[in-house]
Amino acid sequence: MKPFVPQLVYIEPKALDYPLGRELKEKFEKMGVEIRETTSHNQVRGIPGDTELQQYRVAKSTLVVGIRKTLKFDTSKPSAEYAIPLATGCMGHCHYCYLQTTLGSKPYIRTYVNLEEIFDQAQKYMDERGEQITRFEAACTSDIVGLDHLTHSLKKTIEYFGKSDKGRLRFVTKYHHVDHLLDAEHNGHTRFRFSVNSRYVIKNFEPGTSTFDERLEAARKVANAGYPLGFIVAPIYLHEDWKEGYFELFQRLSDSLQGVNLSNLTFELIQHRFTKPAKRVIAKRYPKTKLEMNEEKRKYKWGRYGIGKYVYQDDEAKDLENTIRGYVAQFFPEAEVAYFT
């Protein structure tokens, strides 16, 4: 899996008022990438493609360099108190991803250059909470690691929180391009998590991401660099022989992490879910997907903003949770399961 390189770059003119904006423009000019101007990262027009599907695929390899004007951070439960907005969008093609609908007609990738303003806002949130530790999630709306070899925004953020008494950073990735992050002065204040899954799920639903073995190799590097390590098993998906598939996942995980300090290891467990709008979008963008989205087999669960989602029936969800918690206990008895949802 080669590092992401955009086919097309849009830049907001005011982004060039910031050092990172100028740096990225110069970088892409040297790389020979086509650069266009856009008045706003929220109003990018003219992405090539004769059909909506073609435009979608081009958009997934389009990078927009802009300014994050909205500095009110979203909440990010149960992972963290707040989502820190470093980027939006992802170069991966995971069929089940909730960004399919939350980004809607804007599937292109956005990176924000006004990092100091974002950091200042994060500090305000920390100040409001006083002596409490405040956690910030950097991967709510993107896979920030998949982009950071170009921007180094994440590295700057890791080092910012490395100096913070009350702030902690966390993010999750499906990419293995971590080498530039290994020497960051994180001071143990950043939890580096990898998304892992059974062979069936990775093969059928996660095109455009690093292989499982590449993620494992990156996890070893990250742990050896002293980062607190975590894994998100998501989405936990009921497929044929799923118990054997997830057992093998934990076996391979355990084998690959032999000799690594796992004293602060965490797992987060998330069952597969979908919304009706997501189902429509996924069917349009990935018409041959094998992803099971039958509402009649699922339980309807109310979500944020009154938008409900379909999750597994209670007995199936309990079986999923008990099985995966059992594998964690068997292979990583000292690890913490932060939550199942």
C-alpha atoms as a PDB file:
ATOM      1  CA  MET A   1       0.000   0.000   0.000  1.00  0.00           C
ATOM      2  CA  LYS A   2       1.717   3.161  -1.243  1.00  0.00           C
ATOM      3  CA  PRO A   3       1.255   6.462   0.607  1.00  0.00           C
ATOM      4  CA  PHE A   4      -1.619   8.597  -0.628  1.00  0.00           C
ATOM      5  CA  VAL A   5      -0.838  11.150  -3.334  1.00  0.00           C
ATOM      6  CA  PRO A   6      -3.726  13.321  -4.545  1.00  0.00           C
ATOM      7  CA  GLN A   7      -4.532  13.427  -8.253  1.00  0.00           C
ATOM      8  CA  LEU A   8      -5.968  16.910  -7.888  1.00  0.00           C
ATOM      9  CA  VAL A   9      -5.503  19.689  -5.301  1.00  0.00           C
ATOM     10  CA  TYR A  10      -7.739  22.678  -4.580  1.00  0.00           C
ATOM     11  CA  ILE A  11      -6.456  25.542  -2.419  1.00  0.00           C
ATOM     12  CA  GLU A  12      -8.402  28.341  -0.731  1.00  0.00           C
ATOM     13  CA  PRO A  13      -6.543  31.623  -1.417  1.00  0.00           C
ATOM     14  CA  LYS A  14      -6.560  32.572   2.279  1.00  0.00           C
ATOM     15  CA  ALA A  15      -4.892  29.244   3.143  1.00  0.00           C
ATOM     16  CA  LEU A  16      -1.741  30.754   1.637  1.00  0.00           C
ATOM     17  CA  ASP A  17      -1.680  33.249   4.531  1.00  0.00           C
ATOM     18  CA  TYR A  18      -0.551  30.336   6.708  1.00  0.00           C
ATOM     19  CA  PRO A  19       2.902  28.692   6.582  1.00  0.00           C
ATOM     20  CA  LEU A  20       1.424  25.208   6.106  1.00  0.00           C
ATOM     21  CA  GLY A  21      -0.717  26.413   3.192  1.00  0.00           C
ATOM     22  CA  ARG A  22       2.306  27.854   1.395  1.00  0.00           C
ATOM     23  CA  GLU A  23       4.357  24.754   2.172  1.00  0.00           C
ATOM     24  CA  LEU A  24       1.732  22.414   0.727  1.00  0.00           C
ATOM     25  CA  LYS A  25       1.294  24.514  -2.437  1.00  0.00           C
ATOM     26  CA  GLU A  26       5.044  24.403  -3.043  1.00  0.00           C
ATOM     27  CA  LYS A  27       5.163  20.667  -2.320  1.00  0.00           C
ATOM     28  CA  PHE A  28       2.399  19.822  -4.792  1.00  0.00           C
ATOM     29  CA  GLU A  29       3.860  22.097  -7.458  1.00  0.00           C
ATOM     30  CA  LYS A  30       7.141  20.204  -7.203  1.00  0.00           C
ATOM     31  CA  MET A  31       5.253  16.893  -7.404  1.00  0.00           C
ATOM     32  CA  GLY A  32       3.529  18.020 -10.589  1.00  0.00           C
ATOM     33  CA  VAL A  33       0.027  17.663  -9.133  1.00  0.00           C
ATOM     34  CA  GLU A  34      -2.665  19.790 -10.781  1.00  0.00           C
ATOM     35  CA  ILE A  35      -3.629  22.690  -8.482  1.00  0.00           C
ATOM     36  CA  ARG A  36      -6.867  24.668  -8.736  1.00  0.00           C
ATOM     37  CA  GLU A  37      -8.309  27.511  -6.692  1.00  0.00           C
ATOM     38  CA  THR A  38     -11.540  27.261  -4.706  1.00  0.00           C
ATOM     39  CA  THR A  39     -13.291  30.016  -2.792  1.00  0.00           C
ATOM     40  CA  SER A  40     -14.239  27.619   0.020  1.00  0.00           C
ATOM     41  CA  HIS A  41     -13.430  24.059   1.042  1.00  0.00           C
ATOM     42  CA  ASN A  42     -17.192  23.637   1.517  1.00  0.00           C
ATOM     43  CA  GLN A  43     -17.995  24.642  -2.074  1.00  0.00           C
ATOM     44  CA  VAL A  44     -15.592  22.712  -4.303  1.00  0.00           C
ATOM     45  CA  ARG A  45     -16.906  22.585  -7.855  1.00  0.00           C
ATOM     46  CA  GLY A  46     -15.724  21.113 -11.106  1.00  0.00           C
ATOM     47  CA  ILE A  47     -14.424  17.755  -9.866  1.00  0.00           C
ATOM     48  CA  PRO A  48     -14.003  15.714 -13.080  1.00  0.00           C
ATOM     49  CA  GLY A  49     -16.268  12.825 -14.010  1.00  0.00           C
ATOM     50  CA  ASP A  50     -19.126  12.145 -16.428  1.00  0.00           C
ATOM     51  CA  THR A  51     -21.253  10.380 -13.818  1.00  0.00           C
ATOM     52  CA  GLU A  52     -21.869  10.797 -10.108  1.00  0.00           C
ATOM     53  CA  LEU A  53     -19.940   7.567  -9.443  1.00  0.00           C
ATOM     54  CA  GLN A  54     -16.935   8.753 -11.483  1.00  0.00           C
ATOM     55  CA  GLN A  55     -16.942  12.084  -9.653  1.00  0.00           C
ATOM     56  CA  TYR A  56     -17.079  10.238  -6.337  1.00  0.00           C
ATOM     57  CA  ARG A  57     -14.009   8.185  -7.191  1.00  0.00           C
ATOM     58  CA  VAL A  58     -12.066  11.268  -8.336  1.00  0.00           C
ATOM     59  CA  ALA A  59     -13.164  13.134  -5.203  1.00  0.00           C
ATOM     60  CA  LYS A  60     -11.668  10.380  -3.031  1.00  0.00           C
ATOM     61  CA  SER A  61      -8.271  11.240  -4.544  1.00  0.00           C
ATOM     62  CA  THR A  62      -8.777  15.016  -4.370  1.00  0.00           C
ATOM     63  CA  LEU A  63      -7.229  17.102  -1.584  1.00  0.00           C
ATOM     64  CA  VAL A  64      -8.559  20.504  -0.571  1.00  0.00           C
ATOM     65  CA  VAL A  65      -6.280  22.806   1.428  1.00  0.00           C
ATOM     66  CA  GLY A  66      -8.338  25.218   3.475  1.00  0.00           C
ATOM     67  CA  ILE A  67      -9.018  27.060   6.724  1.00  0.00           C
ATOM     68  CA  ARG A  68     -11.182  25.579   9.461  1.00  0.00           C
ATOM     69  CA  LYS A  69     -13.504  28.470  10.231  1.00  0.00           C
ATOM     70  CA  THR A  70     -15.880  26.589  12.552  1.00  0.00           C
ATOM     71  CA  LEU A  71     -13.904  26.147  15.736  1.00  0.00           C
ATOM     72  CA  LYS A  72     -16.672  24.671  17.834  1.00  0.00           C
ATOM     73  CA  PHE A  73     -15.519  21.088  18.381  1.00  0.00           C
ATOM     74  CA  ASP A  74     -18.016  18.243  18.183  1.00  0.00           C
ATOM     75  CA  THR A  75     -18.280  15.829  21.084  1.00  0.00           C
ATOM     76  CA  SER A  76     -16.800  12.380  20.533  1.00  0.00           C
ATOM     77  CA  LYS A  77     -18.308   9.938  23.009  1.00  0.00           C
ATOM     78  CA  PRO A  78     -17.424   7.294  24.059  1.00  0.00           C
ATOM     79  CA  SER A  79     -13.918   7.692  22.637  1.00  0.00           C
ATOM     80  CA  ALA A  80     -13.113  11.190  23.911  1.00  0.00           C
ATOM     81  CA  GLU A  81     -14.602  14.449  25.156  1.00  0.00           C
ATOM     82  CA  TYR A  82     -14.049  16.329  21.887  1.00  0.00           C
ATOM     83  CA  ALA A  83     -13.175  15.783  18.230  1.00  0.00           C
ATOM     84  CA  ILE A  84     -10.232  17.948  17.142  1.00  0.00           C
ATOM     85  CA  PRO A  85     -10.733  18.965  13.481  1.00  0.00           C
ATOM     86  CA  LEU A  86      -7.450  18.493  11.631  1.00  0.00           C
ATOM     87  CA  ALA A  87      -8.903  17.023   8.444  1.00  0.00           C
ATOM     88  CA  THR A  88     -12.158  15.816   6.902  1.00  0.00           C
ATOM     89  CA  GLY A  89     -12.600  12.926   4.479  1.00  0.00           C
ATOM     90  CA  CYS A  90     -10.631   9.789   3.744  1.00  0.00           C
ATOM     91  CA  MET A  91      -8.838   8.182   0.816  1.00  0.00           C
ATOM     92  CA  GLY A  92     -10.045   4.694   1.800  1.00  0.00           C
ATOM     93  CA  HIS A  93     -13.030   2.936   0.271  1.00  0.00           C
ATOM     94  CA  CYS A  94     -14.484   1.121   3.291  1.00  0.00           C
ATOM     95  CA  HIS A  95     -18.007   0.142   2.273  1.00  0.00           C
ATOM     96  CA  TYR A  96     -19.489   0.433   5.767  1.00  0.00           C
ATOM     97  CA  CYS A  97     -17.981   3.812   6.730  1.00  0.00           C
ATOM     98  CA  TYR A  98     -20.334   6.351   8.315  1.00  0.00           C
ATOM     99  CA  LEU A  99     -18.552   9.117   6.391  1.00  0.00           C
ATOM    100  CA  GLN A 100     -20.472   7.869   3.339  1.00  0.00           C
ATOM    101  CA  THR A 101     -23.459   9.811   4.627  1.00  0.00           C
ATOM    102  CA  THR A 102     -22.001  12.400   7.004  1.00  0.00           C
ATOM    103  CA  LEU A 103     -19.902  13.844   4.175  1.00  0.00           C
ATOM    104  CA  GLY A 104     -22.699  13.343   1.663  1.00  0.00           C
ATOM    105  CA  SER A 105     -21.913  15.186  -1.552  1.00  0.00           C
ATOM    106  CA  LYS A 106     -18.458  16.274  -0.317  1.00  0.00           C
ATOM    107  CA  PRO A 107     -16.376  13.062  -0.228  1.00  0.00           C
ATOM    108  CA  TYR A 108     -13.171  14.894  -1.115  1.00  0.00           C
ATOM    109  CA  ILE A 109     -10.408  15.154   1.496  1.00  0.00           C
ATOM    110  CA  ARG A 110      -9.852  18.413   3.340  1.00  0.00           C
ATOM    111  CA  THR A 111      -6.858  19.441   5.419  1.00  0.00           C
ATOM    112  CA  TYR A 112      -6.864  22.579   7.560  1.00  0.00           C
ATOM    113  CA  VAL A 113      -3.825  24.829   7.791  1.00  0.00           C
ATOM    114  CA  ASN A 114      -4.804  27.112  10.714  1.00  0.00           C
ATOM    115  CA  LEU A 115      -3.392  24.729  13.304  1.00  0.00           C
ATOM    116  CA  GLU A 116      -2.541  27.380  15.898  1.00  0.00           C
ATOM    117  CA  GLU A 117      -6.159  28.554  15.986  1.00  0.00           C
ATOM    118  CA  ILE A 118      -7.313  24.948  16.378  1.00  0.00           C
ATOM    119  CA  PHE A 119      -4.827  24.421  19.211  1.00  0.00           C
ATOM    120  CA  ASP A 120      -5.962  27.644  20.915  1.00  0.00           C
ATOM    121  CA  GLN A 121      -9.550  26.396  20.827  1.00  0.00           C
ATOM    122  CA  ALA A 122      -8.482  23.038  22.270  1.00  0.00           C
ATOM    123  CA  GLN A 123      -6.806  24.900  25.123  1.00  0.00           C
ATOM    124  CA  LYS A 124     -10.040  26.776  25.841  1.00  0.00           C
ATOM    125  CA  TYR A 125     -11.882  23.468  26.190  1.00  0.00           C
ATOM    126  CA  MET A 126      -9.173  22.178  28.517  1.00  0.00           C
ATOM    127  CA  ASP A 127      -9.344  25.345  30.612  1.00  0.00           C
ATOM    128  CA  GLU A 128     -13.133  24.963  30.959  1.00  0.00           C
ATOM    129  CA  ARG A 129     -12.669  21.485  32.442  1.00  0.00           C
ATOM    130  CA  GLY A 130     -10.127  22.648  34.991  1.00  0.00           C
ATOM    131  CA  GLU A 131      -8.161  19.820  36.582  1.00  0.00           C
ATOM    132  CA  GLN A 132      -9.875  17.061  34.607  1.00  0.00           C
ATOM    133  CA  ILE A 133      -8.029  15.318  31.778  1.00  0.00           C
ATOM    134  CA  THR A 134      -9.587  16.229  28.427  1.00  0.00           C
ATOM    135  CA  ARG A 135      -9.276  13.757  25.570  1.00  0.00           C
ATOM    136  CA  PHE A 136      -9.358  14.826  21.914  1.00  0.00           C
ATOM    137  CA  GLU A 137     -10.125  12.420  19.063  1.00  0.00           C
ATOM    138  CA  ALA A 138      -8.358  13.287  15.793  1.00  0.00           C
ATOM    139  CA  ALA A 139      -9.962  10.648  13.564  1.00  0.00           C
ATOM    140  CA  CYS A 140     -13.711  11.293  13.810  1.00  0.00           C
ATOM    141  CA  THR A 141     -14.064  12.592  10.270  1.00  0.00           C
ATOM    142  CA  SER A 142     -10.910  11.306   8.577  1.00  0.00           C
ATOM    143  CA  ASP A 143      -8.075   8.815   8.696  1.00  0.00           C
ATOM    144  CA  ILE A 144      -5.508  11.413   9.627  1.00  0.00           C
ATOM    145  CA  VAL A 145      -2.510   9.023   9.451  1.00  0.00           C
ATOM    146  CA  GLY A 146      -3.268   8.293   5.791  1.00  0.00           C
ATOM    147  CA  LEU A 147      -2.729  11.982   5.028  1.00  0.00           C
ATOM    148  CA  ASP A 148      -0.057  13.060   7.485  1.00  0.00           C
ATOM    149  CA  HIS A 149       3.029  12.066   5.469  1.00  0.00           C
ATOM    150  CA  LEU A 150       2.062  15.067   3.311  1.00  0.00           C
ATOM    151  CA  THR A 151       0.957  17.601   5.923  1.00  0.00           C
ATOM    152  CA  HIS A 152       2.627  16.630   9.244  1.00  0.00           C
ATOM    153  CA  SER A 153      -0.375  18.269  10.941  1.00  0.00           C
ATOM    154  CA  LEU A 154      -0.840  15.211  13.122  1.00  0.00           C
ATOM    155  CA  LYS A 155       2.811  15.216  14.153  1.00  0.00           C
ATOM    156  CA  LYS A 156       2.541  18.877  15.204  1.00  0.00           C
ATOM    157  CA  THR A 157      -0.618  18.018  17.154  1.00  0.00           C
ATOM    158  CA  ILE A 158       1.047  15.067  18.889  1.00  0.00           C
ATOM    159  CA  GLU A 159       3.885  17.344  20.004  1.00  0.00           C
ATOM    160  CA  TYR A 160       1.435  20.041  21.096  1.00  0.00           C
ATOM    161  CA  PHE A 161      -0.351  17.588  23.393  1.00  0.00           C
ATOM    162  CA  GLY A 162       2.990  16.146  24.459  1.00  0.00           C
ATOM    163  CA  LYS A 163       3.561  19.458  26.252  1.00  0.00           C
ATOM    164  CA  SER A 164       0.042  19.632  27.695  1.00  0.00           C
ATOM    165  CA  ASP A 165      -0.663  18.795  31.339  1.00  0.00           C
ATOM    166  CA  LYS A 166      -4.392  18.171  30.966  1.00  0.00           C
ATOM    167  CA  GLY A 167      -4.844  17.345  27.281  1.00  0.00           C
ATOM    168  CA  ARG A 168      -4.583  13.918  25.671  1.00  0.00           C
ATOM    169  CA  LEU A 169      -4.761  13.001  21.992  1.00  0.00           C
ATOM    170  CA  ARG A 170      -6.067   9.827  20.380  1.00  0.00           C
ATOM    171  CA  PHE A 171      -6.754   8.668  16.843  1.00  0.00           C
ATOM    172  CA  VAL A 172      -7.310   5.467  14.902  1.00  0.00           C
ATOM    173  CA  THR A 173      -6.006   4.427  11.499  1.00  0.00           C
ATOM    174  CA  LYS A 174      -6.056   1.725   8.853  1.00  0.00           C
ATOM    175  CA  TYR A 175      -2.757   2.934   7.390  1.00  0.00           C
ATOM    176  CA  HIS A 176       0.818   1.953   8.152  1.00  0.00           C
ATOM    177  CA  HIS A 177       2.641   5.131   7.077  1.00  0.00           C
ATOM    178  CA  VAL A 178       3.844   5.980  10.579  1.00  0.00           C
ATOM    179  CA  ASP A 179       7.628   6.313  10.281  1.00  0.00           C
ATOM    180  CA  HIS A 180       7.650  10.117  10.444  1.00  0.00           C
ATOM    181  CA  LEU A 181       5.644   9.965  13.708  1.00  0.00           C
ATOM    182  CA  LEU A 182       8.004   7.658  15.585  1.00  0.00           C
ATOM    183  CA  ASP A 183      10.355  10.416  16.779  1.00  0.00           C
ATOM    184  CA  ALA A 184       7.574  12.816  17.810  1.00  0.00           C
ATOM    185  CA  GLU A 185       7.849  14.074  21.398  1.00  0.00           C
ATOM    186  CA  HIS A 186       4.566  12.570  22.543  1.00  0.00           C
ATOM    187  CA  ASN A 187       5.476  12.036  26.228  1.00  0.00           C
ATOM    188  CA  GLY A 188       2.916   9.256  26.427  1.00  0.00           C
ATOM    189  CA  HIS A 189       0.047  11.723  25.932  1.00  0.00           C
ATOM    190  CA  THR A 190      -1.157  10.274  22.593  1.00  0.00           C
ATOM    191  CA  ARG A 191      -2.885   6.921  22.222  1.00  0.00           C
ATOM    192  CA  PHE A 192      -2.180   5.444  18.806  1.00  0.00           C
ATOM    193  CA  ARG A 193      -4.891   2.966  17.764  1.00  0.00           C
ATOM    194  CA  PHE A 194      -5.227   0.692  14.774  1.00  0.00           C
ATOM    195  CA  SER A 195      -8.457  -0.545  13.270  1.00  0.00           C
ATOM    196  CA  VAL A 196      -8.373  -4.335  12.890  1.00  0.00           C
ATOM    197  CA  ASN A 197     -10.837  -6.935  11.702  1.00  0.00           C
ATOM    198  CA  SER A 198     -11.291 -10.466  10.429  1.00  0.00           C
ATOM    199  CA  ARG A 199      -9.853 -11.492   7.057  1.00  0.00           C
ATOM    200  CA  TYR A 200     -13.373 -11.580   5.614  1.00  0.00           C
ATOM    201  CA  VAL A 201     -14.159  -7.970   6.544  1.00  0.00           C
ATOM    202  CA  ILE A 202     -10.796  -6.557   5.421  1.00  0.00           C
ATOM    203  CA  LYS A 203     -10.908  -8.446   2.110  1.00  0.00           C
ATOM    204  CA  ASN A 204     -14.493  -7.597   1.196  1.00  0.00           C
ATOM    205  CA  PHE A 205     -15.131  -4.181   2.725  1.00  0.00           C
ATOM    206  CA  GLU A 206     -11.841  -2.263   3.169  1.00  0.00           C
ATOM    207  CA  PRO A 207     -10.333  -1.558  -0.277  1.00  0.00           C
ATOM    208  CA  GLY A 208      -7.780   1.212  -0.493  1.00  0.00           C
ATOM    209  CA  THR A 209      -6.363   0.619   3.005  1.00  0.00           C
ATOM    210  CA  SER A 210      -3.180  -0.987   4.329  1.00  0.00           C
ATOM    211  CA  THR A 211      -3.150  -4.756   4.738  1.00  0.00           C
ATOM    212  CA  PHE A 212      -3.590  -6.338   8.141  1.00  0.00           C
ATOM    213  CA  ASP A 213       0.086  -7.322   8.201  1.00  0.00           C
ATOM    214  CA  GLU A 214       1.139  -3.772   7.354  1.00  0.00           C
ATOM    215  CA  ARG A 215      -1.002  -2.451  10.211  1.00  0.00           C
ATOM    216  CA  LEU A 216       0.549  -4.986  12.600  1.00  0.00           C
ATOM    217  CA  GLU A 217       4.061  -3.989  11.590  1.00  0.00           C
ATOM    218  CA  ALA A 218       3.157  -0.337  12.167  1.00  0.00           C
ATOM    219  CA  ALA A 219       1.657  -1.195  15.564  1.00  0.00           C
ATOM    220  CA  ARG A 220       4.950  -2.774  16.634  1.00  0.00           C
ATOM    221  CA  LYS A 221       6.841   0.336  15.562  1.00  0.00           C
ATOM    222  CA  VAL A 222       4.432   2.611  17.423  1.00  0.00           C
ATOM    223  CA  ALA A 223       4.580   0.547  20.628  1.00  0.00           C
ATOM    224  CA  ASN A 224       8.373   0.440  20.476  1.00  0.00           C
ATOM    225  CA  ALA A 225       8.358   4.240  20.111  1.00  0.00           C
ATOM    226  CA  GLY A 226       6.619   4.416  23.488  1.00  0.00           C
ATOM    227  CA  TYR A 227       3.126   5.387  22.384  1.00  0.00           C
ATOM    228  CA  PRO A 228       0.226   3.970  24.398  1.00  0.00           C
ATOM    229  CA  LEU A 229      -1.275   1.440  21.962  1.00  0.00           C
ATOM    230  CA  GLY A 230      -4.857   0.475  21.257  1.00  0.00           C
ATOM    231  CA  PHE A 231      -6.943  -1.475  18.784  1.00  0.00           C
ATOM    232  CA  ILE A 232     -10.462  -0.807  17.591  1.00  0.00           C
ATOM    233  CA  VAL A 233     -12.256  -3.924  16.396  1.00  0.00           C
ATOM    234  CA  ALA A 234     -14.832  -2.347  14.116  1.00  0.00           C
ATOM    235  CA  PRO A 235     -17.188  -3.042  12.681  1.00  0.00           C
ATOM    236  CA  ILE A 236     -17.666  -6.409  14.345  1.00  0.00           C
ATOM    237  CA  TYR A 237     -19.638  -8.130  11.624  1.00  0.00           C
ATOM    238  CA  LEU A 238     -21.634 -11.342  11.589  1.00  0.00           C
ATOM    239  CA  HIS A 239     -20.315 -13.320   8.623  1.00  0.00           C
ATOM    240  CA  GLU A 240     -20.011 -17.030   7.958  1.00  0.00           C
ATOM    241  CA  ASP A 241     -17.633 -18.612  10.501  1.00  0.00           C
ATOM    242  CA  TRP A 242     -17.253 -15.245  12.216  1.00  0.00           C
ATOM    243  CA  LYS A 243     -16.140 -16.764  15.526  1.00  0.00           C
ATOM    244  CA  GLU A 244     -13.258 -18.570  13.822  1.00  0.00           C
ATOM    245  CA  GLY A 245     -12.437 -15.433  11.825  1.00  0.00           C
ATOM    246  CA  TYR A 246     -12.177 -13.222  14.894  1.00  0.00           C
ATOM    247  CA  PHE A 247     -10.298 -15.892  16.857  1.00  0.00           C
ATOM    248  CA  GLU A 248      -7.697 -15.938  14.080  1.00  0.00           C
ATOM    249  CA  LEU A 249      -7.546 -12.134  14.215  1.00  0.00           C
ATOM    250  CA  PHE A 250      -6.593 -12.187  17.900  1.00  0.00           C
ATOM    251  CA  GLN A 251      -4.181 -15.058  17.402  1.00  0.00           C
ATOM    252  CA  ARG A 252      -2.319 -13.151  14.671  1.00  0.00           C
ATOM    253  CA  LEU A 253      -2.428  -9.995  16.759  1.00  0.00           C
ATOM    254  CA  SER A 254      -0.921 -11.803  19.738  1.00  0.00           C
ATOM    255  CA  ASP A 255       1.785 -13.484  17.655  1.00  0.00           C
ATOM    256  CA  SER A 256       2.819 -10.208  16.031  1.00  0.00           C
ATOM    257  CA  LEU A 257       3.122  -8.340  19.330  1.00  0.00           C
ATOM    258  CA  GLN A 258       5.411 -10.804  21.081  1.00  0.00           C
ATOM    259  CA  GLY A 259       8.157  -8.937  22.935  1.00  0.00           C
ATOM    260  CA  VAL A 260       6.322  -5.587  22.789  1.00  0.00           C
ATOM    261  CA  ASN A 261       5.449  -3.711  25.985  1.00  0.00           C
ATOM    262  CA  LEU A 262       1.661  -3.968  26.207  1.00  0.00           C
ATOM    263  CA  SER A 263       1.212  -2.693  29.760  1.00  0.00           C
ATOM    264  CA  ASN A 264      -1.210   0.039  28.654  1.00  0.00           C
ATOM    265  CA  LEU A 265      -3.119  -1.737  25.878  1.00  0.00           C
ATOM    266  CA  THR A 266      -6.783  -0.938  25.161  1.00  0.00           C
ATOM    267  CA  PHE A 267      -9.493  -2.387  22.943  1.00  0.00           C
ATOM    268  CA  GLU A 268     -12.643  -0.677  21.701  1.00  0.00           C
ATOM    269  CA  LEU A 269     -15.397  -2.874  20.274  1.00  0.00           C
ATOM    270  CA  ILE A 270     -18.008  -1.556  17.838  1.00  0.00           C
ATOM    271  CA  GLN A 271     -20.690  -3.709  16.208  1.00  0.00           C
ATOM    272  CA  HIS A 272     -21.732  -3.080  12.604  1.00  0.00           C
ATOM    273  CA  ARG A 273     -24.510  -0.544  12.161  1.00  0.00           C
ATOM    274  CA  PHE A 274     -26.037   1.391   9.303  1.00  0.00           C
ATOM    275  CA  THR A 275     -28.696   4.007   8.637  1.00  0.00           C
ATOM    276  CA  LYS A 276     -31.267   4.050   5.844  1.00  0.00           C
ATOM    277  CA  PRO A 277     -29.516   6.983   4.111  1.00  0.00           C
ATOM    278  CA  ALA A 278     -26.186   5.143   4.390  1.00  0.00           C
ATOM    279  CA  LYS A 279     -27.667   2.021   2.831  1.00  0.00           C
ATOM    280  CA  ARG A 280     -28.841   4.012  -0.193  1.00  0.00           C
ATOM    281  CA  VAL A 281     -25.483   5.744  -0.639  1.00  0.00           C
ATOM    282  CA  ILE A 282     -23.439   2.556  -0.196  1.00  0.00           C
ATOM    283  CA  ALA A 283     -25.576   0.680  -2.731  1.00  0.00           C
ATOM    284  CA  LYS A 284     -25.015   3.492  -5.251  1.00  0.00           C
ATOM    285  CA  ARG A 285     -21.265   3.858  -4.678  1.00  0.00           C
ATOM    286  CA  TYR A 286     -20.417   0.175  -4.230  1.00  0.00           C
ATOM    287  CA  PRO A 287     -23.120  -1.623  -6.217  1.00  0.00           C
ATOM    288  CA  LYS A 288     -21.448  -5.035  -5.909  1.00  0.00           C
ATOM    289  CA  THR A 289     -20.909  -4.870  -2.151  1.00  0.00           C
ATOM    290  CA  LYS A 290     -21.514  -7.991  -0.074  1.00  0.00           C
ATOM    291  CA  LEU A 291     -22.373  -5.881   2.958  1.00  0.00           C
ATOM    292  CA  GLU A 292     -25.521  -7.198   4.665  1.00  0.00           C
ATOM    293  CA  MET A 293     -27.952  -4.344   5.364  1.00  0.00           C
ATOM    294  CA  ASN A 294     -31.343  -5.981   5.879  1.00  0.00           C
ATOM    295  CA  GLU A 295     -33.435  -3.821   8.207  1.00  0.00           C
ATOM    296  CA  GLU A 296     -35.745  -6.731   9.011  1.00  0.00           C
ATOM    297  CA  LYS A 297     -32.869  -8.658  10.597  1.00  0.00           C
ATOM    298  CA  ARG A 298     -31.767  -5.738  12.741  1.00  0.00           C
ATOM    299  CA  LYS A 299     -32.807  -3.742  15.792  1.00  0.00           C
ATOM    300  CA  TYR A 300     -33.591  -0.048  15.354  1.00  0.00           C
ATOM    301  CA  LYS A 301     -31.699   2.188  17.761  1.00  0.00           C
ATOM    302  CA  TRP A 302     -32.211   5.925  18.096  1.00  0.00           C
ATOM    303  CA  GLY A 303     -29.082   7.971  17.533  1.00  0.00           C
ATOM    304  CA  ARG A 304     -27.898  11.556  17.719  1.00  0.00           C
ATOM    305  CA  TYR A 305     -30.012  14.281  16.105  1.00  0.00           C
ATOM    306  CA  GLY A 306     -32.986  11.904  15.924  1.00  0.00           C
ATOM    307  CA  ILE A 307     -31.369   9.784  13.204  1.00  0.00           C
ATOM    308  CA  GLY A 308     -31.757   6.103  14.032  1.00  0.00           C
ATOM    309  CA  LYS A 309     -29.437   3.270  13.092  1.00  0.00           C
ATOM    310  CA  TYR A 310     -29.814  -0.445  12.608  1.00  0.00           C
ATOM    311  CA  VAL A 311     -27.704  -2.620  14.905  1.00  0.00           C
ATOM    312  CA  TYR A 312     -27.762  -6.343  15.613  1.00  0.00           C
ATOM    313  CA  GLN A 313     -30.570  -7.892  17.635  1.00  0.00           C
ATOM    314  CA  ASP A 314     -29.900  -7.985  21.404  1.00  0.00           C
ATOM    315  CA  ASP A 315     -29.033 -11.696  21.502  1.00  0.00           C
ATOM    316  CA  GLU A 316     -26.669 -11.383  18.518  1.00  0.00           C
ATOM    317  CA  ALA A 317     -25.018  -8.274  19.968  1.00  0.00           C
ATOM    318  CA  LYS A 318     -24.514 -10.011  23.324  1.00  0.00           C
ATOM    319  CA  ASP A 319     -22.955 -13.018  21.561  1.00  0.00           C
ATOM    320  CA  LEU A 320     -20.620 -10.693  19.643  1.00  0.00           C
ATOM    321  CA  GLU A 321     -19.632  -8.833  22.791  1.00  0.00           C
ATOM    322  CA  ASN A 322     -19.072 -11.934  24.932  1.00  0.00           C
ATOM    323  CA  THR A 323     -17.084 -13.662  22.188  1.00  0.00           C
ATOM    324  CA  ILE A 324     -14.747 -10.748  21.473  1.00  0.00           C
ATOM    325  CA  ARG A 325     -14.303  -9.911  25.167  1.00  0.00           C
ATOM    326  CA  GLY A 326     -13.396 -13.574  25.666  1.00  0.00           C
ATOM    327  CA  TYR A 327     -10.723 -13.411  22.976  1.00  0.00           C
ATOM    328  CA  VAL A 328      -9.279 -10.250  24.525  1.00  0.00           C
ATOM    329  CA  ALA A 329      -9.122 -11.956  27.925  1.00  0.00           C
ATOM    330  CA  GLN A 330      -7.518 -15.060  26.420  1.00  0.00           C
ATOM    331  CA  PHE A 331      -4.821 -13.379  24.359  1.00  0.00           C
ATOM    332  CA  PHE A 332      -4.335 -10.051  26.184  1.00  0.00           C
ATOM    333  CA  PRO A 333      -5.366 -10.631  29.813  1.00  0.00           C
ATOM    334  CA  GLU A 334      -3.853  -7.349  31.019  1.00  0.00           C
ATOM    335  CA  ALA A 335      -5.632  -5.232  28.387  1.00  0.00           C
ATOM    336  CA  GLU A 336      -8.602  -2.986  29.058  1.00  0.00           C
ATOM    337  CA  VAL A 337     -11.804  -3.200  27.002  1.00  0.00           C
ATOM    338  CA  ALA A 338     -12.862   0.445  27.019  1.00  0.00           C
ATOM    339  CA  TYR A 339     -16.391  -0.180  25.717  1.00  0.00           C
ATOM    340  CA  PHE A 340     -18.641  -2.221  23.446  1.00  0.00           C
ATOM    341  CA  THR A 341     -21.232  -0.361  21.446  1.00  0.00           C
END
